[in-house]
Amino acid sequence: MKRLLYEFTESVRIAWAQIRANKMRSVLTALGVIIGIVAVTLMGTAIRGIDTGFQNSLAMLGEDVLYVQKWPWGPVEDWWNYVNRPNPQAREATALNRLIAGTEKSELLFAVPVAGRSSTVKYGDVRVSGIYMAGTEAEYSQLTGTDYAEGRMFNDAEASTGRQVCTLGFDVAEALFPGRSPLGETVAINGQPFEVIGVFAKQGEFLGLFSMDNFVLVPLNAYSKFNSIRRGVDIRVKIADKRRLAEAKEELVGAMRRVRGQQPGERNNFDINEQQAFKAQLDPVKNGIALAGLFITGLSLFVGAIGIMNITFVSVKERTKEIGTRKALGARRRSILLQFLVEAVSICLIGGVIGMGISFSLFLAIREAAPNFPVAFSPDLVVISVLVSVVTGVVSGFAPAWGASRLDPVVALRYE
């Protein structure tokens, strides 16, 4: 064991001496590995970032919320079946709440109707367009558990009487009332006056694509004064335990069938959607990134391995006499094999370190240029990069190292 450790230490010393003596050749040889490591780390960063952004966005939307809607979140084959379905109505949310209250140990907590449209909000001379105006009930704030920057949500009394009050999303409040509190002020939503009673805390962006703070909430009864809800609403249902999502979904299907008076065997005329449906749509994107990254990584590492193998063969030829001298003085085949393997692995590790440095620099640049875009660089990627570098070095360096270890010392000493 002691002898092996000495041989390894000596091999490392010789390898680094050779790399220092041929700096440019070593860097050019490692170029394929550098490109491969950059590809694999950026691919991992992108996929991990998408996962992180998705999970954070689900938390903002509410992971424990089910949506009763006319259409499913996904591809539709039988279009005519869906288009003829009735739209969910606010009164059905009320009926659902009665059923939930009457069900012992229900997996559901409460149902909230939500109607919405794109609107314009104005205060004085400041106008903000493209704001999502949602008419809903007081329980809406419990769906996501969002905190308040200031003020509050409208209460049950204000919701039932249709009082014209509103709670603003953080971005809307910042746009209309920069640097000051909007509480007690009156804003015009599509030309109608609403008193500001609260501002939600900042939530951020969904996958870095659109703001989750660009909205305003008003009581549904106030909303319906100026906007038709004949086309129905979304019904959002809070579940008791997100770990029992399947059971909650099954209970909600049964409850909705009772609300609509559907007979046994009759096909559901509604859909129950959940946040995980987004994940199914993101998976093809992640798989595409992974396939492209693996192709580039594999091609780069293959080219890099061929280059390292070629340079290692050249190195063996250049040092044939040295190998013969060492073997004549008693060096074992293992020592020669280890020497050239360590040299090949060292070149790959240099490539790996440079590649990780480039990847981390690109990661910092992306994070600086687009701070809301979900990217994540983790220690796992460093470990994977090191392992890929070592494996590439061993695979590419083994053949020439094996050839060097089997040289006849007499033939090697006479080599010109």
Protein backbone atom coordinates (compact mmCIF):
# COMPACT_ATOMS: atom_id res chain seq x y z
CA MET A 1 0.00 0.00 0.00
CA LYS A 2 2.85 2.36 0.89
CA ARG A 3 4.60 1.59 -2.41
CA LEU A 4 1.38 2.22 -4.36
CA LEU A 5 0.90 5.57 -2.61
CA TYR A 6 4.50 6.51 -3.48
CA GLU A 7 3.96 5.50 -7.12
CA PHE A 8 0.78 7.57 -7.29
CA THR A 9 2.47 10.62 -5.75
CA GLU A 10 5.38 10.30 -8.16
CA SER A 11 2.96 9.91 -11.10
CA VAL A 12 1.16 13.11 -10.11
CA ARG A 13 4.48 14.98 -9.92
CA ILE A 14 5.58 13.73 -13.35
CA ALA A 15 2.16 14.46 -14.89
CA TRP A 16 2.11 18.07 -13.66
CA ALA A 17 5.71 18.56 -14.82
CA GLN A 18 4.68 17.44 -18.33
CA ILE A 19 1.57 19.62 -18.33
CA ARG A 20 3.60 22.69 -17.26
CA ALA A 21 6.16 21.97 -19.96
CA ASN A 22 3.41 21.81 -22.62
CA LYS A 23 0.85 24.34 -21.34
CA MET A 24 -0.72 25.32 -24.67
CA ARG A 25 -0.93 21.73 -25.89
CA SER A 26 -2.57 20.65 -22.64
CA VAL A 27 -5.20 23.44 -22.74
CA LEU A 28 -6.03 22.76 -26.40
CA THR A 29 -6.26 19.05 -25.64
CA ALA A 30 -8.69 19.77 -22.81
CA LEU A 31 -10.90 22.01 -25.00
CA GLY A 32 -13.39 19.23 -25.79
CA VAL A 33 -13.72 18.43 -22.08
CA ILE A 34 -14.20 22.14 -21.29
CA ILE A 35 -17.08 22.41 -23.78
CA GLY A 36 -18.61 19.17 -22.46
CA ILE A 37 -18.46 20.32 -18.83
CA VAL A 38 -19.96 23.72 -19.73
CA ALA A 39 -22.79 21.90 -21.54
CA VAL A 40 -23.54 19.46 -18.72
CA THR A 41 -23.42 22.12 -15.99
CA LEU A 42 -25.57 24.61 -17.91
CA MET A 43 -28.05 21.84 -18.70
CA GLY A 44 -28.21 20.88 -15.02
CA THR A 45 -28.52 24.54 -14.02
CA ALA A 46 -31.41 25.09 -16.45
CA ILE A 47 -33.31 21.96 -15.38
CA ARG A 48 -32.77 22.60 -11.68
CA GLY A 49 -33.80 26.23 -12.16
CA ILE A 50 -37.02 25.23 -13.91
CA ASP A 51 -37.84 22.81 -11.08
CA THR A 52 -37.06 25.40 -8.41
CA GLY A 53 -39.04 28.10 -10.19
CA PHE A 54 -41.95 25.73 -10.71
CA GLN A 55 -42.09 24.69 -7.05
CA ASN A 56 -41.84 28.32 -5.89
CA SER A 57 -44.56 29.33 -8.32
CA LEU A 58 -46.80 26.49 -7.15
CA ALA A 59 -46.36 27.70 -3.60
CA MET A 60 -47.53 31.18 -4.69
CA LEU A 61 -50.54 29.78 -6.53
CA GLY A 62 -51.42 27.31 -3.81
CA GLU A 63 -50.34 23.67 -3.98
CA ASP A 64 -53.40 22.60 -1.98
CA VAL A 65 -56.03 24.13 -4.26
CA LEU A 66 -58.27 22.34 -6.79
CA TYR A 67 -60.00 24.15 -9.65
CA VAL A 68 -63.53 23.30 -10.81
CA GLN A 69 -63.72 24.46 -14.43
CA LYS A 70 -65.40 23.78 -17.74
CA TRP A 71 -62.20 22.90 -19.60
CA PRO A 72 -59.26 20.69 -18.57
CA TRP A 73 -55.69 22.02 -18.41
CA GLY A 74 -54.31 20.00 -21.27
CA PRO A 75 -55.07 18.63 -24.72
CA VAL A 76 -58.74 18.18 -25.62
CA GLU A 77 -59.82 15.50 -28.10
CA ASP A 78 -63.62 15.44 -27.79
CA TRP A 79 -64.05 19.21 -28.28
CA TRP A 80 -67.84 19.15 -28.72
CA ASN A 81 -68.30 17.37 -25.40
CA TYR A 82 -66.47 20.16 -23.60
CA VAL A 83 -67.92 23.16 -25.42
CA ASN A 84 -71.48 22.07 -24.52
CA ARG A 85 -70.75 21.81 -20.81
CA PRO A 86 -72.37 24.36 -18.47
CA ASN A 87 -70.07 26.97 -16.97
CA PRO A 88 -69.47 26.76 -13.20
CA GLN A 89 -71.60 29.30 -11.33
CA ALA A 90 -71.11 31.17 -8.05
CA ARG A 91 -74.19 29.48 -6.55
CA GLU A 92 -72.48 26.10 -7.09
CA ALA A 93 -69.64 27.24 -4.85
CA THR A 94 -72.23 28.05 -2.18
CA ALA A 95 -73.79 24.57 -2.62
CA LEU A 96 -70.34 22.96 -2.39
CA ASN A 97 -69.66 24.78 0.89
CA ARG A 98 -72.92 23.40 2.32
CA LEU A 99 -71.92 19.85 1.34
CA ILE A 100 -68.42 20.30 2.76
CA ALA A 101 -69.84 21.59 6.05
CA GLY A 102 -72.17 18.58 6.25
CA THR A 103 -69.47 15.99 5.50
CA GLU A 104 -67.71 14.48 8.49
CA LYS A 105 -63.89 14.43 8.16
CA SER A 106 -64.08 16.03 4.74
CA GLU A 107 -60.88 16.29 2.70
CA LEU A 108 -62.13 19.70 1.53
CA LEU A 109 -62.15 22.94 3.53
CA PHE A 110 -64.09 25.49 1.47
CA ALA A 111 -64.90 26.62 -2.07
CA VAL A 112 -64.42 30.12 -3.44
CA PRO A 113 -65.86 31.47 -6.73
CA VAL A 114 -63.55 33.68 -8.81
CA ALA A 115 -64.52 35.75 -11.85
CA GLY A 116 -61.89 37.81 -13.62
CA ARG A 117 -61.01 40.02 -16.55
CA SER A 118 -58.24 42.29 -17.77
CA SER A 119 -58.81 45.83 -16.55
CA THR A 120 -57.41 49.34 -16.32
CA VAL A 121 -56.77 50.89 -12.93
CA LYS A 122 -56.38 54.66 -12.62
CA TYR A 123 -55.46 57.07 -9.86
CA GLY A 124 -55.25 60.74 -10.77
CA ASP A 125 -53.22 61.00 -13.95
CA VAL A 126 -51.58 57.59 -13.50
CA ARG A 127 -53.13 54.74 -15.48
CA VAL A 128 -52.08 51.08 -15.40
CA SER A 129 -53.47 48.69 -18.02
CA GLY A 130 -53.51 44.93 -18.31
CA ILE A 131 -54.33 44.41 -14.63
CA TYR A 132 -56.13 41.19 -13.68
CA MET A 133 -59.29 42.22 -11.81
CA ALA A 134 -60.78 39.34 -9.82
CA GLY A 135 -64.18 39.32 -8.16
CA THR A 136 -64.28 36.82 -5.32
CA GLU A 137 -65.19 36.18 -1.68
CA ALA A 138 -63.38 37.02 1.54
CA GLU A 139 -61.97 33.46 1.88
CA TYR A 140 -59.84 33.96 -1.23
CA SER A 141 -56.90 35.18 0.85
CA GLN A 142 -56.80 31.80 2.61
CA LEU A 143 -56.22 29.92 -0.66
CA THR A 144 -52.56 30.91 -0.89
CA GLY A 145 -51.90 32.33 2.56
CA THR A 146 -50.39 35.47 1.04
CA ASP A 147 -49.29 38.11 3.55
CA TYR A 148 -50.18 41.80 3.41
CA ALA A 149 -47.73 44.63 2.93
CA GLU A 150 -50.35 46.81 4.63
CA GLY A 151 -54.07 46.89 5.25
CA ARG A 152 -56.33 43.87 4.87
CA MET A 153 -58.64 41.82 2.66
CA PHE A 154 -62.32 42.74 2.48
CA ASN A 155 -64.46 40.84 5.01
CA ASP A 156 -67.66 38.79 4.67
CA ALA A 157 -69.94 41.77 5.38
CA GLU A 158 -68.27 43.88 2.69
CA ALA A 159 -68.37 40.96 0.23
CA SER A 160 -72.06 40.15 0.82
CA THR A 161 -73.16 43.78 0.50
CA GLY A 162 -71.05 44.35 -2.60
CA ARG A 163 -69.19 47.29 -1.10
CA GLN A 164 -66.81 48.85 -3.62
CA VAL A 165 -63.53 48.17 -1.86
CA CYS A 166 -60.39 46.55 -3.24
CA THR A 167 -57.09 44.99 -2.26
CA LEU A 168 -54.21 45.72 -4.63
CA GLY A 169 -51.35 43.52 -5.77
CA PHE A 170 -47.93 44.87 -4.83
CA ASP A 171 -46.92 45.97 -8.36
CA VAL A 172 -50.21 47.82 -8.89
CA ALA A 173 -49.81 49.71 -5.60
CA GLU A 174 -46.21 50.62 -6.47
CA ALA A 175 -47.24 51.89 -9.91
CA LEU A 176 -50.13 54.01 -8.67
CA PHE A 177 -48.73 55.15 -5.31
CA PRO A 178 -44.93 55.17 -5.52
CA GLY A 179 -43.33 55.69 -2.13
CA ARG A 180 -46.55 56.17 -0.17
CA SER A 181 -49.49 54.28 1.30
CA PRO A 182 -52.62 53.82 -0.84
CA LEU A 183 -54.88 52.95 2.10
CA GLY A 184 -58.06 55.01 2.11
CA GLU A 185 -57.49 56.32 -1.40
CA THR A 186 -60.04 55.78 -4.19
CA VAL A 187 -58.96 54.28 -7.50
CA ALA A 188 -60.98 53.90 -10.69
CA ILE A 189 -61.21 50.35 -11.99
CA ASN A 190 -62.63 50.44 -15.52
CA GLY A 191 -64.04 53.82 -14.62
CA GLN A 192 -65.75 52.70 -11.38
CA PRO A 193 -64.60 53.99 -7.96
CA PHE A 194 -63.17 51.54 -5.42
CA GLU A 195 -61.64 52.34 -2.05
CA VAL A 196 -58.24 50.76 -1.36
CA ILE A 197 -58.26 48.84 1.94
CA GLY A 198 -55.16 46.67 1.53
CA VAL A 199 -52.01 45.76 -0.40
CA PHE A 200 -50.69 42.22 -0.75
CA ALA A 201 -47.02 41.50 -0.03
CA LYS A 202 -44.78 40.99 -3.04
CA GLN A 203 -44.97 37.45 -4.44
CA GLY A 204 -42.60 37.60 -7.41
CA GLU A 205 -42.97 36.09 -10.86
CA PHE A 206 -44.26 32.77 -12.17
CA LEU A 207 -41.23 30.96 -13.68
CA GLY A 208 -39.77 34.37 -14.41
CA LEU A 209 -42.40 34.86 -17.12
CA PHE A 210 -45.14 37.06 -15.63
CA SER A 211 -45.77 38.94 -12.41
CA MET A 212 -47.89 37.46 -9.63
CA ASP A 213 -48.42 40.97 -8.22
CA ASN A 214 -50.25 42.52 -11.17
CA PHE A 215 -53.84 42.13 -9.92
CA VAL A 216 -56.62 43.69 -7.88
CA LEU A 217 -59.26 41.86 -5.82
CA VAL A 218 -62.80 43.14 -5.30
CA PRO A 219 -65.94 41.55 -3.78
CA LEU A 220 -67.76 39.35 -6.31
CA ASN A 221 -71.04 41.21 -5.71
CA ALA A 222 -69.29 44.50 -6.48
CA TYR A 223 -67.65 42.98 -9.54
CA SER A 224 -70.99 41.72 -10.88
CA LYS A 225 -72.47 45.24 -10.73
CA PHE A 226 -70.31 46.28 -13.69
CA ASN A 227 -69.30 42.98 -15.29
CA SER A 228 -71.40 40.08 -16.51
CA ILE A 229 -70.75 36.71 -14.88
CA ARG A 230 -73.21 34.80 -17.06
CA ARG A 231 -70.25 32.97 -18.61
CA GLY A 232 -69.52 31.54 -15.21
CA VAL A 233 -66.68 31.57 -12.73
CA ASP A 234 -63.81 29.39 -11.62
CA ILE A 235 -64.46 27.55 -8.38
CA ARG A 236 -61.31 27.13 -6.30
CA VAL A 237 -61.45 24.56 -3.53
CA LYS A 238 -58.99 24.47 -0.63
CA ILE A 239 -58.10 20.94 0.51
CA ALA A 240 -57.26 19.88 4.04
CA ASP A 241 -54.02 17.99 3.30
CA LYS A 242 -52.07 18.26 0.04
CA ARG A 243 -50.59 14.81 0.71
CA ARG A 244 -54.12 13.41 0.22
CA LEU A 245 -54.73 15.24 -3.03
CA ALA A 246 -56.13 12.18 -4.84
CA GLU A 247 -58.70 11.54 -2.09
CA ALA A 248 -59.71 15.20 -2.03
CA LYS A 249 -60.11 15.24 -5.79
CA GLU A 250 -62.31 12.15 -5.67
CA GLU A 251 -64.50 13.71 -2.96
CA LEU A 252 -64.82 16.94 -4.96
CA VAL A 253 -65.90 15.04 -8.07
CA GLY A 254 -68.66 13.34 -6.06
CA ALA A 255 -69.73 16.63 -4.48
CA MET A 256 -69.92 18.43 -7.83
CA ARG A 257 -71.97 15.60 -9.32
CA ARG A 258 -74.43 15.98 -6.44
CA VAL A 259 -74.55 19.76 -6.90
CA ARG A 260 -75.36 19.33 -10.60
CA GLY A 261 -77.71 16.41 -10.05
CA GLN A 262 -75.85 14.04 -12.37
CA GLN A 263 -77.05 10.44 -12.53
CA PRO A 264 -74.85 7.35 -11.97
CA GLY A 265 -73.03 6.41 -15.17
CA GLU A 266 -73.47 9.89 -16.61
CA ARG A 267 -70.25 11.50 -17.81
CA ASN A 268 -68.88 14.40 -15.71
CA ASN A 269 -69.83 17.76 -17.22
CA PHE A 270 -66.96 19.59 -15.46
CA ASP A 271 -63.22 19.14 -14.90
CA ILE A 272 -61.16 19.19 -11.73
CA ASN A 273 -57.78 20.77 -12.46
CA GLU A 274 -54.72 20.93 -10.22
CA GLN A 275 -51.39 22.72 -10.23
CA GLN A 276 -49.44 19.57 -11.11
CA ALA A 277 -50.97 19.77 -14.59
CA PHE A 278 -48.44 22.54 -15.25
CA LYS A 279 -45.66 20.07 -14.51
CA ALA A 280 -46.83 17.74 -17.27
CA GLN A 281 -46.57 20.63 -19.71
CA LEU A 282 -43.10 21.60 -18.46
CA ASP A 283 -41.69 18.07 -18.67
CA PRO A 284 -41.31 18.13 -22.50
CA VAL A 285 -39.36 21.39 -22.18
CA LYS A 286 -37.07 19.88 -19.56
CA ASN A 287 -36.63 16.71 -21.60
CA GLY A 288 -35.77 18.76 -24.69
CA ILE A 289 -33.12 20.70 -22.74
CA ALA A 290 -31.74 17.43 -21.34
CA LEU A 291 -31.56 15.73 -24.76
CA ALA A 292 -29.88 18.73 -26.39
CA GLY A 293 -27.46 19.03 -23.48
CA LEU A 294 -26.63 15.32 -23.49
CA PHE A 295 -26.02 15.37 -27.26
CA ILE A 296 -23.67 18.37 -27.03
CA THR A 297 -22.01 16.94 -23.91
CA GLY A 298 -21.54 13.50 -25.45
CA LEU A 299 -20.18 14.89 -28.70
CA SER A 300 -17.80 17.28 -26.94
CA LEU A 301 -16.54 14.64 -24.52
CA PHE A 302 -16.08 12.14 -27.37
CA VAL A 303 -14.00 14.65 -29.35
CA GLY A 304 -12.13 15.58 -26.17
CA ALA A 305 -11.44 11.93 -25.32
CA ILE A 306 -10.09 11.26 -28.83
CA GLY A 307 -7.85 14.32 -28.54
CA ILE A 308 -6.54 13.26 -25.13
CA MET A 309 -5.96 9.71 -26.35
CA ASN A 310 -4.07 11.02 -29.37
CA ILE A 311 -1.90 13.38 -27.29
CA THR A 312 -1.21 10.61 -24.76
CA PHE A 313 -0.03 8.31 -27.60
CA VAL A 314 2.24 11.15 -28.79
CA SER A 315 3.54 11.60 -25.25
CA VAL A 316 4.29 7.87 -25.03
CA LYS A 317 6.22 8.03 -28.31
CA GLU A 318 8.17 11.12 -27.17
CA ARG A 319 9.15 9.45 -23.90
CA THR A 320 9.80 5.92 -25.13
CA LYS A 321 13.45 6.04 -24.07
CA GLU A 322 12.44 7.38 -20.65
CA ILE A 323 10.01 4.49 -20.26
CA GLY A 324 12.72 2.01 -21.31
CA THR A 325 15.17 3.50 -18.79
CA ARG A 326 12.62 3.35 -15.97
CA LYS A 327 11.71 -0.25 -16.75
CA ALA A 328 15.39 -1.20 -17.00
CA LEU A 329 15.88 0.27 -13.52
CA GLY A 330 13.03 -1.86 -12.15
CA ALA A 331 9.86 0.15 -12.68
CA ARG A 332 6.78 -2.06 -12.75
CA ARG A 333 4.16 -2.07 -15.47
CA ARG A 334 1.73 -0.71 -12.90
CA SER A 335 3.90 2.34 -12.33
CA ILE A 336 4.09 3.17 -16.05
CA LEU A 337 0.36 2.56 -16.49
CA LEU A 338 -0.46 4.78 -13.50
CA GLN A 339 1.85 7.55 -14.72
CA PHE A 340 0.11 8.02 -18.07
CA LEU A 341 -3.38 7.49 -16.64
CA VAL A 342 -2.75 10.22 -14.06
CA GLU A 343 -1.52 12.52 -16.83
CA ALA A 344 -4.68 11.96 -18.92
CA VAL A 345 -6.96 12.41 -15.89
CA SER A 346 -5.07 15.57 -14.88
CA ILE A 347 -5.66 17.14 -18.29
CA CYS A 348 -9.37 16.28 -18.01
CA LEU A 349 -9.55 17.75 -14.51
CA ILE A 350 -7.97 20.96 -15.77
CA GLY A 351 -10.64 21.04 -18.47
CA GLY A 352 -13.30 20.33 -15.87
CA VAL A 353 -12.16 23.17 -13.58
CA ILE A 354 -12.00 25.64 -16.49
CA GLY A 355 -15.43 24.46 -17.71
CA MET A 356 -16.97 24.89 -14.24
CA GLY A 357 -15.43 28.36 -14.00
CA ILE A 358 -16.97 29.35 -17.34
CA SER A 359 -20.34 27.85 -16.36
CA PHE A 360 -20.40 29.64 -13.01
CA SER A 361 -19.50 32.93 -14.71
CA LEU A 362 -22.37 32.44 -17.19
CA PHE A 363 -24.69 31.59 -14.29
CA LEU A 364 -23.77 34.83 -12.50
CA ALA A 365 -24.21 36.81 -15.73
CA ILE A 366 -27.68 35.34 -16.32
CA ARG A 367 -28.70 35.97 -12.72
CA GLU A 368 -27.50 39.57 -12.97
CA ALA A 369 -29.15 40.22 -16.35
CA ALA A 370 -32.44 38.47 -15.50
CA PRO A 371 -32.77 38.29 -11.68
CA ASN A 372 -36.30 36.88 -11.87
CA PHE A 373 -35.39 34.05 -14.24
CA PRO A 374 -35.18 30.76 -12.31
CA VAL A 375 -31.58 29.47 -12.43
CA ALA A 376 -29.86 27.41 -9.75
CA PHE A 377 -26.23 26.29 -9.45
CA SER A 378 -25.67 23.55 -6.89
CA PRO A 379 -22.73 21.55 -5.45
CA ASP A 380 -24.19 18.44 -7.15
CA LEU A 381 -23.18 19.88 -10.52
CA VAL A 382 -19.60 20.32 -9.30
CA VAL A 383 -19.46 16.67 -8.20
CA ILE A 384 -20.95 15.49 -11.51
CA SER A 385 -18.44 17.60 -13.47
CA VAL A 386 -15.49 16.16 -11.54
CA LEU A 387 -16.73 12.59 -12.03
CA VAL A 388 -17.30 13.17 -15.76
CA SER A 389 -13.78 14.60 -16.07
CA VAL A 390 -12.18 11.67 -14.23
CA VAL A 391 -14.10 9.04 -16.21
CA THR A 392 -13.22 10.75 -19.49
CA GLY A 393 -9.55 10.82 -18.49
CA VAL A 394 -9.49 7.15 -17.50
CA VAL A 395 -11.31 6.00 -20.66
CA SER A 396 -9.22 8.12 -23.04
CA GLY A 397 -5.88 7.48 -21.35
CA PHE A 398 -6.14 3.75 -20.69
CA ALA A 399 -5.19 2.46 -24.18
CA PRO A 400 -1.98 4.51 -24.57
CA ALA A 401 -1.07 3.95 -20.90
CA TRP A 402 -1.55 0.20 -21.33
CA GLY A 403 0.65 0.26 -24.46
CA ALA A 404 3.36 2.18 -22.60
CA SER A 405 3.31 -0.27 -19.69
CA ARG A 406 3.88 -3.23 -22.04
CA LEU A 407 6.88 -1.77 -23.92
CA ASP A 408 9.94 -4.01 -24.04
CA PRO A 409 12.73 -2.10 -22.22
CA VAL A 410 15.41 -3.25 -24.72
CA VAL A 411 13.33 -2.06 -27.73
CA ALA A 412 12.44 1.15 -25.91
CA LEU A 413 16.07 1.99 -25.11
CA ARG A 414 17.04 1.56 -28.77
CA TYR A 415 14.10 3.71 -30.01
CA GLU A 416 15.10 6.81 -32.01
